[in-house]
Amino acid sequence: MAYDASALPDVSGLTVGIIGGTGDQGRGLAYRFARAGQTVLIGSRSAERAEEAAREIAALPGVAAATVAGAGNEEVARRSDVVIVAVPWDGHAATVAALAGPLAGKIVVDCVNPLGFDKQGPYALTVEEGSAVQQAAALLPESRVCAAFNHVSAPLLADPEIDRIQLDVLVCTEDRDAAAVVAALAARIPGMRGIYAGRLRNAHQIEAFTANLIAINKRYKAHAGIRVTDL
């Protein structure tokens, strides 16, 4: 079955919350979704920082101010339909566990990559549960957990002069309906496709591949992503 964006659900009315929305990846995703007309909530441990980030994003080209707001993580989790987790790996478990209540029943998209860095460059870390998203799934048994947006370049997302971001977002989850929602959100960003890439157990190599992309970007001074052929 070929990729067909027209078969994806209508997600234009969903509110997207981003936990870690004041970091580079979270801010970039918030900007792109807001620019596409999605209602976006920026989450942070500090509501003040989240509100400041929301004001800054609302002032960027192509964004209607009414589509972006900021609040504390718990409020964002409670008010959003889909929640993206974009926090640093070292705070991942604690942040996710603290939000288990308000995230119950929600689609939760984890884009965290467990990486270490030394003088030889980035490398994948071993995660007891298998991957960051599997850790999230273990901590959020009542949520519909997916992995996606792991390979999207933060500088590309944040650059207002770039209209299209030509790459595929690999989606891993047990929940095919949730996968379709996440794919539809990816398709809201011009140039992107959301591609189902297997169950959560297949996410570890997707997260780890980010280390390879960082090496590619360093070597070729690029912002490399992934494109799946023959779809």
N, C-alpha and C. Protein backbone atom coordinates (compact mmCIF):
# COMPACT_ATOMS: atom_id res chain seq x y z
N MET A 1 0.85 -1.20 0.00
CA MET A 1 0.00 0.00 0.00
C MET A 1 0.88 1.24 0.00
N ALA A 2 0.70 2.09 -0.99
CA ALA A 2 1.50 3.30 -1.11
C ALA A 2 1.07 4.33 -0.08
N TYR A 3 1.98 5.22 0.24
CA TYR A 3 1.67 6.32 1.16
C TYR A 3 0.62 7.20 0.53
N ASP A 4 -0.42 7.54 1.30
CA ASP A 4 -1.52 8.36 0.80
C ASP A 4 -1.95 9.32 1.90
N ALA A 5 -1.49 10.55 1.81
CA ALA A 5 -1.81 11.54 2.85
C ALA A 5 -3.30 11.82 2.94
N SER A 6 -4.02 11.63 1.84
CA SER A 6 -5.46 11.92 1.85
C SER A 6 -6.24 10.94 2.71
N ALA A 7 -5.64 9.79 3.03
CA ALA A 7 -6.31 8.80 3.86
C ALA A 7 -6.12 9.05 5.35
N LEU A 8 -5.32 10.03 5.70
CA LEU A 8 -5.03 10.31 7.10
C LEU A 8 -6.19 11.07 7.75
N PRO A 9 -6.36 10.93 9.06
CA PRO A 9 -7.46 11.63 9.74
C PRO A 9 -7.24 13.13 9.78
N ASP A 10 -8.33 13.86 9.96
CA ASP A 10 -8.26 15.32 10.12
C ASP A 10 -7.86 15.63 11.56
N VAL A 11 -6.69 16.23 11.71
CA VAL A 11 -6.19 16.55 13.05
C VAL A 11 -6.14 18.05 13.29
N SER A 12 -6.72 18.82 12.40
CA SER A 12 -6.58 20.28 12.46
C SER A 12 -7.17 20.87 13.73
N GLY A 13 -8.13 20.18 14.34
CA GLY A 13 -8.76 20.72 15.54
C GLY A 13 -8.13 20.26 16.84
N LEU A 14 -7.07 19.46 16.76
CA LEU A 14 -6.43 18.94 17.97
C LEU A 14 -5.48 19.96 18.58
N THR A 15 -5.40 19.95 19.89
CA THR A 15 -4.42 20.77 20.61
C THR A 15 -3.19 19.92 20.88
N VAL A 16 -2.04 20.41 20.46
CA VAL A 16 -0.78 19.70 20.64
C VAL A 16 0.00 20.34 21.78
N GLY A 17 0.27 19.57 22.81
CA GLY A 17 1.10 20.04 23.91
C GLY A 17 2.51 19.52 23.76
N ILE A 18 3.48 20.34 24.14
CA ILE A 18 4.88 19.93 24.01
C ILE A 18 5.54 20.08 25.38
N ILE A 19 5.84 18.95 25.99
CA ILE A 19 6.55 18.93 27.28
C ILE A 19 8.04 19.06 26.97
N GLY A 20 8.65 20.10 27.50
CA GLY A 20 10.01 20.43 27.08
C GLY A 20 9.99 21.40 25.92
N GLY A 21 8.92 22.17 25.85
CA GLY A 21 8.74 23.08 24.72
C GLY A 21 9.64 24.30 24.74
N THR A 22 10.42 24.48 25.80
CA THR A 22 11.36 25.60 25.83
C THR A 22 12.74 25.19 25.32
N GLY A 23 12.97 23.90 25.08
CA GLY A 23 14.23 23.45 24.49
C GLY A 23 14.22 23.59 22.99
N ASP A 24 15.36 23.36 22.36
CA ASP A 24 15.49 23.59 20.91
C ASP A 24 14.50 22.75 20.11
N GLN A 25 14.45 21.45 20.37
CA GLN A 25 13.56 20.57 19.60
C GLN A 25 12.10 20.91 19.86
N GLY A 26 11.75 21.10 21.12
CA GLY A 26 10.38 21.42 21.45
C GLY A 26 9.92 22.73 20.86
N ARG A 27 10.77 23.75 20.94
CA ARG A 27 10.42 25.05 20.36
C ARG A 27 10.25 24.95 18.85
N GLY A 28 11.15 24.20 18.21
CA GLY A 28 11.06 24.07 16.77
C GLY A 28 9.79 23.38 16.33
N LEU A 29 9.42 22.29 17.01
CA LEU A 29 8.18 21.60 16.68
C LEU A 29 6.98 22.50 16.97
N ALA A 30 7.02 23.22 18.08
CA ALA A 30 5.92 24.13 18.41
C ALA A 30 5.75 25.17 17.31
N TYR A 31 6.84 25.73 16.83
CA TYR A 31 6.77 26.73 15.78
C TYR A 31 6.14 26.16 14.51
N ARG A 32 6.59 24.97 14.11
CA ARG A 32 6.07 24.40 12.87
C ARG A 32 4.59 24.05 12.97
N PHE A 33 4.17 23.50 14.10
CA PHE A 33 2.75 23.17 14.24
C PHE A 33 1.91 24.45 14.32
N ALA A 34 2.39 25.45 15.04
CA ALA A 34 1.65 26.71 15.11
C ALA A 34 1.57 27.37 13.74
N ARG A 35 2.67 27.32 13.02
CA ARG A 35 2.70 27.91 11.68
C ARG A 35 1.72 27.19 10.74
N ALA A 36 1.48 25.90 11.00
CA ALA A 36 0.52 25.13 10.20
C ALA A 36 -0.92 25.36 10.64
N GLY A 37 -1.11 26.15 11.72
CA GLY A 37 -2.45 26.45 12.18
C GLY A 37 -2.93 25.58 13.32
N GLN A 38 -2.06 24.73 13.86
CA GLN A 38 -2.43 23.89 14.98
C GLN A 38 -2.43 24.71 16.27
N THR A 39 -3.32 24.41 17.19
CA THR A 39 -3.26 25.02 18.51
C THR A 39 -2.18 24.32 19.32
N VAL A 40 -1.24 25.09 19.87
CA VAL A 40 -0.06 24.53 20.52
C VAL A 40 0.05 25.08 21.94
N LEU A 41 0.36 24.19 22.87
CA LEU A 41 0.64 24.57 24.25
C LEU A 41 2.08 24.20 24.57
N ILE A 42 2.86 25.17 25.01
CA ILE A 42 4.25 24.98 25.41
C ILE A 42 4.28 24.63 26.89
N GLY A 43 4.92 23.51 27.22
CA GLY A 43 5.03 23.11 28.61
C GLY A 43 6.44 23.21 29.14
N SER A 44 6.57 23.55 30.41
CA SER A 44 7.86 23.61 31.08
C SER A 44 7.63 23.43 32.57
N ARG A 45 8.69 23.07 33.31
CA ARG A 45 8.59 23.04 34.76
C ARG A 45 8.27 24.43 35.30
N SER A 46 8.71 25.46 34.56
CA SER A 46 8.42 26.84 34.93
C SER A 46 7.36 27.40 33.98
N ALA A 47 6.18 27.70 34.52
CA ALA A 47 5.13 28.27 33.68
C ALA A 47 5.57 29.60 33.07
N GLU A 48 6.36 30.37 33.81
CA GLU A 48 6.83 31.66 33.30
C GLU A 48 7.71 31.47 32.06
N ARG A 49 8.62 30.49 32.13
CA ARG A 49 9.47 30.23 30.97
C ARG A 49 8.64 29.75 29.78
N ALA A 50 7.64 28.94 30.05
CA ALA A 50 6.77 28.45 28.97
C ALA A 50 6.00 29.60 28.33
N GLU A 51 5.49 30.50 29.15
CA GLU A 51 4.75 31.65 28.62
C GLU A 51 5.65 32.56 27.80
N GLU A 52 6.90 32.74 28.25
CA GLU A 52 7.85 33.56 27.49
C GLU A 52 8.16 32.92 26.15
N ALA A 53 8.39 31.60 26.14
CA ALA A 53 8.67 30.90 24.88
C ALA A 53 7.48 31.00 23.95
N ALA A 54 6.27 30.89 24.48
CA ALA A 54 5.07 30.98 23.65
C ALA A 54 4.96 32.36 23.00
N ARG A 55 5.26 33.41 23.77
CA ARG A 55 5.22 34.77 23.20
C ARG A 55 6.25 34.91 22.08
N GLU A 56 7.43 34.36 22.28
CA GLU A 56 8.48 34.46 21.26
C GLU A 56 8.08 33.70 20.00
N ILE A 57 7.50 32.52 20.15
CA ILE A 57 7.08 31.74 18.98
C ILE A 57 5.92 32.43 18.27
N ALA A 58 4.99 33.00 19.04
CA ALA A 58 3.85 33.68 18.44
C ALA A 58 4.27 34.88 17.60
N ALA A 59 5.44 35.44 17.90
CA ALA A 59 5.92 36.61 17.17
C ALA A 59 6.65 36.23 15.88
N LEU A 60 6.88 34.95 15.65
CA LEU A 60 7.61 34.52 14.45
C LEU A 60 6.72 34.58 13.22
N PRO A 61 7.33 34.66 12.02
CA PRO A 61 6.54 34.76 10.79
C PRO A 61 5.59 33.58 10.61
N GLY A 62 4.37 33.90 10.21
CA GLY A 62 3.40 32.87 9.85
C GLY A 62 2.59 32.32 10.99
N VAL A 63 2.77 32.83 12.21
CA VAL A 63 2.08 32.28 13.37
C VAL A 63 1.01 33.26 13.84
N ALA A 64 -0.20 32.74 14.04
CA ALA A 64 -1.26 33.54 14.65
C ALA A 64 -1.09 33.43 16.17
N ALA A 65 -1.04 34.56 16.84
CA ALA A 65 -0.75 34.57 18.28
C ALA A 65 -1.70 33.71 19.08
N ALA A 66 -2.94 33.60 18.64
CA ALA A 66 -3.93 32.84 19.40
C ALA A 66 -3.66 31.34 19.40
N THR A 67 -2.76 30.87 18.54
CA THR A 67 -2.54 29.43 18.43
C THR A 67 -1.48 28.92 19.38
N VAL A 68 -0.77 29.79 20.10
CA VAL A 68 0.34 29.37 20.97
C VAL A 68 0.16 29.94 22.36
N ALA A 69 0.28 29.08 23.35
CA ALA A 69 0.23 29.52 24.74
C ALA A 69 1.20 28.67 25.55
N GLY A 70 1.55 29.14 26.73
CA GLY A 70 2.47 28.43 27.60
C GLY A 70 1.88 28.19 28.97
N ALA A 71 2.31 27.10 29.62
CA ALA A 71 1.83 26.78 30.97
C ALA A 71 2.78 25.74 31.57
N GLY A 72 2.55 25.39 32.81
CA GLY A 72 3.32 24.34 33.44
C GLY A 72 3.04 22.99 32.81
N ASN A 73 3.95 22.05 32.98
CA ASN A 73 3.82 20.75 32.34
C ASN A 73 2.50 20.06 32.64
N GLU A 74 2.09 20.06 33.90
CA GLU A 74 0.87 19.34 34.27
C GLU A 74 -0.36 19.93 33.59
N GLU A 75 -0.45 21.25 33.54
CA GLU A 75 -1.59 21.88 32.88
C GLU A 75 -1.60 21.59 31.39
N VAL A 76 -0.42 21.64 30.77
CA VAL A 76 -0.32 21.33 29.34
C VAL A 76 -0.75 19.90 29.07
N ALA A 77 -0.30 18.96 29.90
CA ALA A 77 -0.68 17.56 29.73
C ALA A 77 -2.19 17.40 29.85
N ARG A 78 -2.79 18.11 30.77
CA ARG A 78 -4.23 17.98 31.00
C ARG A 78 -5.04 18.59 29.86
N ARG A 79 -4.59 19.71 29.30
CA ARG A 79 -5.38 20.45 28.31
C ARG A 79 -5.16 20.00 26.87
N SER A 80 -4.17 19.18 26.62
CA SER A 80 -3.81 18.81 25.24
C SER A 80 -4.47 17.50 24.81
N ASP A 81 -4.67 17.37 23.50
CA ASP A 81 -5.17 16.11 22.93
C ASP A 81 -4.03 15.15 22.64
N VAL A 82 -2.94 15.70 22.12
CA VAL A 82 -1.73 14.94 21.82
C VAL A 82 -0.57 15.64 22.52
N VAL A 83 0.27 14.88 23.20
CA VAL A 83 1.37 15.48 23.95
C VAL A 83 2.69 14.92 23.44
N ILE A 84 3.60 15.82 23.06
CA ILE A 84 4.93 15.44 22.61
C ILE A 84 5.91 15.63 23.75
N VAL A 85 6.69 14.60 24.04
CA VAL A 85 7.72 14.67 25.08
C VAL A 85 9.06 14.96 24.41
N ALA A 86 9.63 16.13 24.70
CA ALA A 86 10.88 16.57 24.06
C ALA A 86 11.84 17.10 25.12
N VAL A 87 12.02 16.31 26.16
CA VAL A 87 12.88 16.73 27.28
C VAL A 87 14.26 16.09 27.15
N PRO A 88 15.26 16.60 27.85
CA PRO A 88 16.57 15.94 27.85
C PRO A 88 16.47 14.54 28.44
N TRP A 89 17.31 13.63 27.93
CA TRP A 89 17.24 12.25 28.37
C TRP A 89 17.43 12.11 29.88
N ASP A 90 18.31 12.88 30.47
CA ASP A 90 18.59 12.68 31.89
C ASP A 90 17.41 13.05 32.78
N GLY A 91 16.44 13.78 32.25
CA GLY A 91 15.24 14.09 33.02
C GLY A 91 14.00 13.37 32.54
N HIS A 92 14.17 12.47 31.60
CA HIS A 92 13.04 11.83 30.91
C HIS A 92 12.15 11.05 31.87
N ALA A 93 12.71 10.10 32.60
CA ALA A 93 11.90 9.22 33.44
C ALA A 93 11.13 10.00 34.49
N ALA A 94 11.80 10.91 35.17
CA ALA A 94 11.14 11.66 36.24
C ALA A 94 10.01 12.54 35.69
N THR A 95 10.27 13.19 34.56
CA THR A 95 9.25 14.07 33.97
C THR A 95 8.03 13.28 33.54
N VAL A 96 8.25 12.17 32.85
CA VAL A 96 7.14 11.36 32.34
C VAL A 96 6.35 10.76 33.50
N ALA A 97 7.03 10.20 34.48
CA ALA A 97 6.34 9.56 35.60
C ALA A 97 5.46 10.55 36.35
N ALA A 98 5.91 11.77 36.50
CA ALA A 98 5.15 12.78 37.23
C ALA A 98 3.86 13.17 36.52
N LEU A 99 3.76 12.87 35.22
CA LEU A 99 2.59 13.28 34.43
C LEU A 99 1.67 12.12 34.09
N ALA A 100 1.87 10.97 34.72
CA ALA A 100 1.07 9.79 34.38
C ALA A 100 -0.42 10.05 34.52
N GLY A 101 -0.82 10.76 35.55
CA GLY A 101 -2.24 11.03 35.75
C GLY A 101 -2.88 11.84 34.64
N PRO A 102 -2.39 13.07 34.39
CA PRO A 102 -3.01 13.88 33.34
C PRO A 102 -2.80 13.35 31.93
N LEU A 103 -1.83 12.44 31.74
CA LEU A 103 -1.60 11.88 30.40
C LEU A 103 -2.42 10.61 30.15
N ALA A 104 -3.15 10.14 31.12
CA ALA A 104 -3.96 8.93 30.94
C ALA A 104 -4.97 9.14 29.80
N GLY A 105 -5.01 8.18 28.89
CA GLY A 105 -5.92 8.24 27.76
C GLY A 105 -5.45 9.09 26.60
N LYS A 106 -4.34 9.81 26.76
CA LYS A 106 -3.84 10.70 25.70
C LYS A 106 -2.87 9.97 24.77
N ILE A 107 -2.75 10.45 23.55
CA ILE A 107 -1.66 10.04 22.66
C ILE A 107 -0.42 10.79 23.12
N VAL A 108 0.62 10.05 23.46
CA VAL A 108 1.88 10.63 23.91
C VAL A 108 2.96 10.26 22.90
N VAL A 109 3.61 11.27 22.35
CA VAL A 109 4.64 11.08 21.32
C VAL A 109 5.99 11.38 21.95
N ASP A 110 6.84 10.37 22.02
CA ASP A 110 8.17 10.54 22.62
C ASP A 110 9.19 10.71 21.51
N CYS A 111 9.93 11.83 21.54
CA CYS A 111 10.96 12.06 20.52
C CYS A 111 12.35 12.17 21.14
N VAL A 112 12.49 11.61 22.35
CA VAL A 112 13.75 11.71 23.08
C VAL A 112 14.73 10.64 22.60
N ASN A 113 15.98 11.05 22.42
CA ASN A 113 17.05 10.14 21.97
C ASN A 113 18.08 9.99 23.08
N PRO A 114 18.22 8.79 23.66
CA PRO A 114 19.20 8.58 24.72
C PRO A 114 20.62 8.49 24.15
N LEU A 115 21.33 9.58 24.20
CA LEU A 115 22.67 9.66 23.63
C LEU A 115 23.67 10.11 24.68
N GLY A 116 24.90 9.61 24.53
CA GLY A 116 26.02 10.11 25.30
C GLY A 116 27.00 10.78 24.37
N PHE A 117 27.89 11.57 24.93
CA PHE A 117 28.88 12.29 24.14
C PHE A 117 30.23 12.18 24.83
N ASP A 118 31.26 11.88 24.04
CA ASP A 118 32.63 11.91 24.55
C ASP A 118 33.52 12.51 23.47
N LYS A 119 34.83 12.41 23.63
CA LYS A 119 35.72 13.05 22.66
C LYS A 119 35.65 12.43 21.28
N GLN A 120 35.08 11.23 21.18
CA GLN A 120 34.90 10.59 19.88
C GLN A 120 33.55 10.91 19.24
N GLY A 121 32.72 11.66 19.95
CA GLY A 121 31.44 12.05 19.39
C GLY A 121 30.26 11.41 20.08
N PRO A 122 29.07 11.48 19.47
CA PRO A 122 27.86 10.93 20.08
C PRO A 122 27.80 9.41 19.96
N TYR A 123 27.10 8.80 20.90
CA TYR A 123 26.88 7.34 20.85
C TYR A 123 25.59 7.02 21.58
N ALA A 124 24.98 5.90 21.20
CA ALA A 124 23.72 5.50 21.80
C ALA A 124 23.94 4.92 23.19
N LEU A 125 23.08 5.29 24.12
CA LEU A 125 23.13 4.76 25.47
C LEU A 125 22.24 3.52 25.59
N THR A 126 22.60 2.63 26.49
CA THR A 126 21.77 1.47 26.76
C THR A 126 20.66 1.85 27.72
N VAL A 127 19.43 1.52 27.36
CA VAL A 127 18.27 1.82 28.18
C VAL A 127 17.68 0.50 28.68
N GLU A 128 17.46 0.40 29.96
CA GLU A 128 17.00 -0.85 30.56
C GLU A 128 15.73 -1.36 29.90
N GLU A 129 14.79 -0.46 29.60
CA GLU A 129 13.52 -0.88 28.99
C GLU A 129 13.66 -1.16 27.50
N GLY A 130 14.79 -0.80 26.90
CA GLY A 130 15.01 -1.01 25.47
C GLY A 130 15.16 0.27 24.69
N SER A 131 14.41 1.28 25.05
CA SER A 131 14.46 2.58 24.36
C SER A 131 13.77 3.61 25.25
N ALA A 132 13.93 4.87 24.88
CA ALA A 132 13.25 5.93 25.63
C ALA A 132 11.75 5.77 25.57
N VAL A 133 11.23 5.45 24.39
CA VAL A 133 9.77 5.35 24.26
C VAL A 133 9.24 4.15 25.02
N GLN A 134 10.00 3.07 25.10
CA GLN A 134 9.56 1.93 25.90
C GLN A 134 9.59 2.26 27.40
N GLN A 135 10.53 3.08 27.80
CA GLN A 135 10.53 3.57 29.18
C GLN A 135 9.27 4.39 29.42
N ALA A 136 8.93 5.27 28.49
CA ALA A 136 7.72 6.08 28.63
C ALA A 136 6.48 5.20 28.69
N ALA A 137 6.42 4.18 27.85
CA ALA A 137 5.26 3.29 27.84
C ALA A 137 5.11 2.55 29.17
N ALA A 138 6.23 2.17 29.76
CA ALA A 138 6.18 1.50 31.06
C ALA A 138 5.68 2.43 32.15
N LEU A 139 6.02 3.70 32.05
CA LEU A 139 5.62 4.68 33.05
C LEU A 139 4.22 5.23 32.82
N LEU A 140 3.70 5.02 31.60
CA LEU A 140 2.38 5.56 31.22
C LEU A 140 1.48 4.44 30.73
N PRO A 141 1.13 3.49 31.59
CA PRO A 141 0.36 2.33 31.14
C PRO A 141 -1.03 2.66 30.61
N GLU A 142 -1.55 3.82 30.95
CA GLU A 142 -2.89 4.19 30.50
C GLU A 142 -2.86 5.17 29.32
N SER A 143 -1.67 5.43 28.76
CA SER A 143 -1.55 6.34 27.62
C SER A 143 -1.29 5.55 26.35
N ARG A 144 -1.50 6.21 25.23
CA ARG A 144 -1.26 5.62 23.91
C ARG A 144 0.08 6.16 23.40
N VAL A 145 1.13 5.41 23.66
CA VAL A 145 2.49 5.92 23.51
C VAL A 145 3.06 5.58 22.12
N CYS A 146 3.69 6.57 21.51
CA CYS A 146 4.32 6.42 20.20
C CYS A 146 5.72 7.03 20.24
N ALA A 147 6.58 6.57 19.37
CA ALA A 147 7.85 7.25 19.09
C ALA A 147 7.73 7.94 17.74
N ALA A 148 8.17 9.19 17.66
CA ALA A 148 8.15 9.92 16.39
C ALA A 148 8.94 11.21 16.55
N PHE A 149 9.31 11.82 15.43
CA PHE A 149 10.04 13.09 15.36
C PHE A 149 11.44 13.00 15.96
N ASN A 150 12.02 11.80 16.01
CA ASN A 150 13.37 11.62 16.57
C ASN A 150 14.45 12.23 15.70
N HIS A 151 14.21 12.31 14.39
CA HIS A 151 15.28 12.67 13.46
C HIS A 151 15.08 14.03 12.81
N VAL A 152 14.27 14.88 13.41
CA VAL A 152 13.99 16.18 12.81
C VAL A 152 14.98 17.21 13.34
N SER A 153 15.65 17.90 12.43
CA SER A 153 16.67 18.88 12.81
C SER A 153 16.05 20.10 13.47
N ALA A 154 16.48 20.40 14.70
CA ALA A 154 15.97 21.58 15.41
C ALA A 154 16.27 22.88 14.65
N PRO A 155 17.49 23.07 14.10
CA PRO A 155 17.74 24.31 13.36
C PRO A 155 16.82 24.49 12.14
N LEU A 156 16.50 23.40 11.45
CA LEU A 156 15.57 23.52 10.32
C LEU A 156 14.18 23.91 10.80
N LEU A 157 13.73 23.27 11.87
CA LEU A 157 12.42 23.60 12.41
C LEU A 157 12.32 25.07 12.80
N ALA A 158 13.39 25.60 13.35
CA ALA A 158 13.35 26.95 13.91
C ALA A 158 13.57 28.05 12.87
N ASP A 159 14.00 27.70 11.66
CA ASP A 159 14.34 28.71 10.66
C ASP A 159 13.09 29.18 9.93
N PRO A 160 12.64 30.41 10.14
CA PRO A 160 11.40 30.87 9.53
C PRO A 160 11.50 31.04 8.01
N GLU A 161 12.70 31.05 7.47
CA GLU A 161 12.85 31.20 6.02
C GLU A 161 12.70 29.87 5.28
N ILE A 162 12.66 28.77 6.01
CA ILE A 162 12.49 27.46 5.39
C ILE A 162 11.00 27.12 5.40
N ASP A 163 10.43 26.96 4.20
CA ASP A 163 9.00 26.68 4.08
C ASP A 163 8.70 25.19 4.14
N ARG A 164 9.60 24.36 3.59
CA ARG A 164 9.35 22.91 3.51
C ARG A 164 10.52 22.17 4.16
N ILE A 165 10.19 21.14 4.92
CA ILE A 165 11.21 20.29 5.53
C ILE A 165 11.05 18.89 4.95
N GLN A 166 11.92 18.56 4.03
CA GLN A 166 11.77 17.35 3.24
C GLN A 166 12.36 16.14 3.97
N LEU A 167 11.53 15.48 4.76
CA LEU A 167 11.98 14.27 5.43
C LEU A 167 10.79 13.45 5.88
N ASP A 168 11.07 12.21 6.27
CA ASP A 168 10.04 11.31 6.78
C ASP A 168 10.20 11.15 8.28
N VAL A 169 9.08 11.14 8.96
CA VAL A 169 9.02 10.91 10.39
C VAL A 169 8.63 9.45 10.61
N LEU A 170 9.52 8.69 11.24
CA LEU A 170 9.25 7.27 11.50
C LEU A 170 8.45 7.14 12.79
N VAL A 171 7.33 6.44 12.71
CA VAL A 171 6.41 6.31 13.84
C VAL A 171 6.38 4.86 14.30
N CYS A 172 6.70 4.64 15.58
CA CYS A 172 6.63 3.31 16.18
C CYS A 172 5.58 3.31 17.28
N THR A 173 4.71 2.33 17.27
CA THR A 173 3.68 2.22 18.30
C THR A 173 2.95 0.89 18.14
N GLU A 174 2.24 0.49 19.19
CA GLU A 174 1.36 -0.67 19.12
C GLU A 174 -0.03 -0.28 18.60
N ASP A 175 -0.30 1.01 18.55
CA ASP A 175 -1.64 1.54 18.32
C ASP A 175 -1.71 2.15 16.92
N ARG A 176 -2.31 1.43 15.99
CA ARG A 176 -2.34 1.91 14.60
C ARG A 176 -3.16 3.19 14.44
N ASP A 177 -4.24 3.33 15.22
CA ASP A 177 -5.01 4.56 15.12
C ASP A 177 -4.21 5.76 15.62
N ALA A 178 -3.45 5.56 16.69
CA ALA A 178 -2.57 6.64 17.17
C ALA A 178 -1.50 6.95 16.14
N ALA A 179 -0.97 5.92 15.48
CA ALA A 179 0.04 6.12 14.44
C ALA A 179 -0.51 7.00 13.32
N ALA A 180 -1.77 6.80 12.96
CA ALA A 180 -2.39 7.60 11.89
C ALA A 180 -2.52 9.06 12.32
N VAL A 181 -2.86 9.29 13.59
CA VAL A 181 -2.96 10.67 14.09
C VAL A 181 -1.59 11.34 14.04
N VAL A 182 -0.55 10.63 14.50
CA VAL A 182 0.79 11.21 14.50
C VAL A 182 1.26 11.46 13.07
N ALA A 183 0.98 10.53 12.16
CA ALA A 183 1.35 10.73 10.76
C ALA A 183 0.65 11.94 10.17
N ALA A 184 -0.61 12.13 10.55
CA ALA A 184 -1.35 13.30 10.05
C ALA A 184 -0.78 14.59 10.60
N LEU A 185 -0.33 14.58 11.86
CA LEU A 185 0.31 15.77 12.41
C LEU A 185 1.61 16.07 11.68
N ALA A 186 2.40 15.02 11.39
CA ALA A 186 3.63 15.23 10.63
C ALA A 186 3.33 15.85 9.27
N ALA A 187 2.25 15.40 8.63
CA ALA A 187 1.90 15.89 7.31
C ALA A 187 1.42 17.33 7.33
N ARG A 188 1.10 17.86 8.50
CA ARG A 188 0.74 19.28 8.61
C ARG A 188 1.94 20.18 8.34
N ILE A 189 3.14 19.64 8.49
CA ILE A 189 4.35 20.40 8.22
C ILE A 189 4.74 20.15 6.76
N PRO A 190 4.74 21.15 5.91
CA PRO A 190 5.00 20.94 4.49
C PRO A 190 6.31 20.19 4.25
N GLY A 191 6.24 19.15 3.40
CA GLY A 191 7.41 18.36 3.05
C GLY A 191 7.55 17.10 3.87
N MET A 192 6.90 17.02 5.02
CA MET A 192 7.04 15.86 5.90
C MET A 192 6.01 14.79 5.57
N ARG A 193 6.42 13.54 5.82
CA ARG A 193 5.50 12.41 5.82
C ARG A 193 5.68 11.65 7.12
N GLY A 194 4.60 11.12 7.66
CA GLY A 194 4.69 10.23 8.81
C GLY A 194 4.56 8.80 8.33
N ILE A 195 5.56 7.97 8.61
CA ILE A 195 5.62 6.60 8.09
C ILE A 195 5.61 5.62 9.27
N TYR A 196 4.66 4.69 9.27
CA TYR A 196 4.64 3.66 10.31
C TYR A 196 5.87 2.78 10.16
N ALA A 197 6.61 2.60 11.27
CA ALA A 197 7.89 1.89 11.21
C ALA A 197 7.97 0.71 12.18
N GLY A 198 6.82 0.23 12.67
CA GLY A 198 6.82 -0.95 13.51
C GLY A 198 6.39 -0.66 14.94
N ARG A 199 6.45 -1.70 15.74
CA ARG A 199 6.05 -1.62 17.14
C ARG A 199 7.12 -0.92 17.97
N LEU A 200 6.77 -0.67 19.24
CA LEU A 200 7.70 0.05 20.11
C LEU A 200 9.04 -0.66 20.24
N ARG A 201 9.06 -1.98 20.15
CA ARG A 201 10.31 -2.70 20.29
C ARG A 201 11.30 -2.38 19.17
N ASN A 202 10.81 -1.77 18.09
CA ASN A 202 11.69 -1.39 16.98
C ASN A 202 12.19 0.05 17.09
N ALA A 203 11.88 0.71 18.17
CA ALA A 203 12.24 2.13 18.27
C ALA A 203 13.68 2.35 18.69
N HIS A 204 14.32 1.37 19.32
CA HIS A 204 15.65 1.63 19.86
C HIS A 204 16.65 1.99 18.78
N GLN A 205 16.56 1.31 17.60
CA GLN A 205 17.53 1.64 16.56
C GLN A 205 17.22 2.98 15.89
N ILE A 206 15.95 3.41 15.95
CA ILE A 206 15.59 4.73 15.43
C ILE A 206 16.19 5.81 16.32
N GLU A 207 16.03 5.65 17.62
CA GLU A 207 16.63 6.61 18.55
C GLU A 207 18.15 6.63 18.41
N ALA A 208 18.75 5.44 18.33
CA ALA A 208 20.21 5.35 18.26
C ALA A 208 20.76 5.94 16.97
N PHE A 209 19.99 5.85 15.88
CA PHE A 209 20.47 6.35 14.58
C PHE A 209 20.71 7.85 14.60
N THR A 210 20.14 8.54 15.56
CA THR A 210 20.39 9.98 15.68
C THR A 210 21.88 10.26 15.84
N ALA A 211 22.60 9.37 16.50
CA ALA A 211 24.05 9.54 16.64
C ALA A 211 24.72 9.55 15.27
N ASN A 212 24.26 8.68 14.37
CA ASN A 212 24.81 8.67 13.01
C ASN A 212 24.49 9.95 12.27
N LEU A 213 23.26 10.45 12.44
CA LEU A 213 22.88 11.69 11.76
C LEU A 213 23.71 12.87 12.26
N ILE A 214 24.00 12.90 13.57
CA ILE A 214 24.85 13.97 14.09
C ILE A 214 26.23 13.90 13.46
N ALA A 215 26.77 12.68 13.31
CA ALA A 215 28.08 12.52 12.67
C ALA A 215 28.04 12.97 11.21
N ILE A 216 26.95 12.64 10.52
CA ILE A 216 26.78 13.07 9.12
C ILE A 216 26.74 14.59 9.05
N ASN A 217 25.95 15.19 9.92
CA ASN A 217 25.82 16.65 9.92
C ASN A 217 27.15 17.35 10.19
N LYS A 218 27.92 16.77 11.11
CA LYS A 218 29.22 17.37 11.43
C LYS A 218 30.17 17.25 10.24
N ARG A 219 30.17 16.09 9.62
CA ARG A 219 31.11 15.85 8.51
C ARG A 219 30.77 16.69 7.28
N TYR A 220 29.47 16.80 6.97
CA TYR A 220 29.05 17.46 5.73
C TYR A 220 28.44 18.84 5.97
N LYS A 221 28.47 19.31 7.22
CA LYS A 221 27.91 20.62 7.55
C LYS A 221 26.48 20.75 7.01
N ALA A 222 25.66 19.78 7.42
CA ALA A 222 24.30 19.67 6.90
C ALA A 222 23.31 19.55 8.05
N HIS A 223 22.04 19.39 7.71
CA HIS A 223 20.98 19.10 8.67
C HIS A 223 20.22 17.89 8.14
N ALA A 224 20.90 16.75 8.15
CA ALA A 224 20.39 15.55 7.50
C ALA A 224 19.17 14.98 8.20
N GLY A 225 18.28 14.40 7.42
CA GLY A 225 17.14 13.67 7.93
C GLY A 225 17.04 12.35 7.21
N ILE A 226 15.85 11.75 7.22
CA ILE A 226 15.63 10.44 6.60
C ILE A 226 14.50 10.55 5.61
N ARG A 227 14.67 9.90 4.46
CA ARG A 227 13.59 9.78 3.48
C ARG A 227 13.49 8.30 3.09
N VAL A 228 12.32 7.72 3.20
CA VAL A 228 12.09 6.31 2.87
C VAL A 228 11.72 6.22 1.40
N THR A 229 12.39 5.37 0.65
CA THR A 229 12.14 5.24 -0.79
C THR A 229 11.02 4.26 -1.09
N ASP A 230 10.48 4.34 -2.30
CA ASP A 230 9.49 3.42 -2.84
C ASP A 230 8.16 3.47 -2.07
N LEU A 231 7.84 4.60 -1.52
CA LEU A 231 6.55 4.79 -0.87
C LEU A 231 5.80 5.95 -1.55
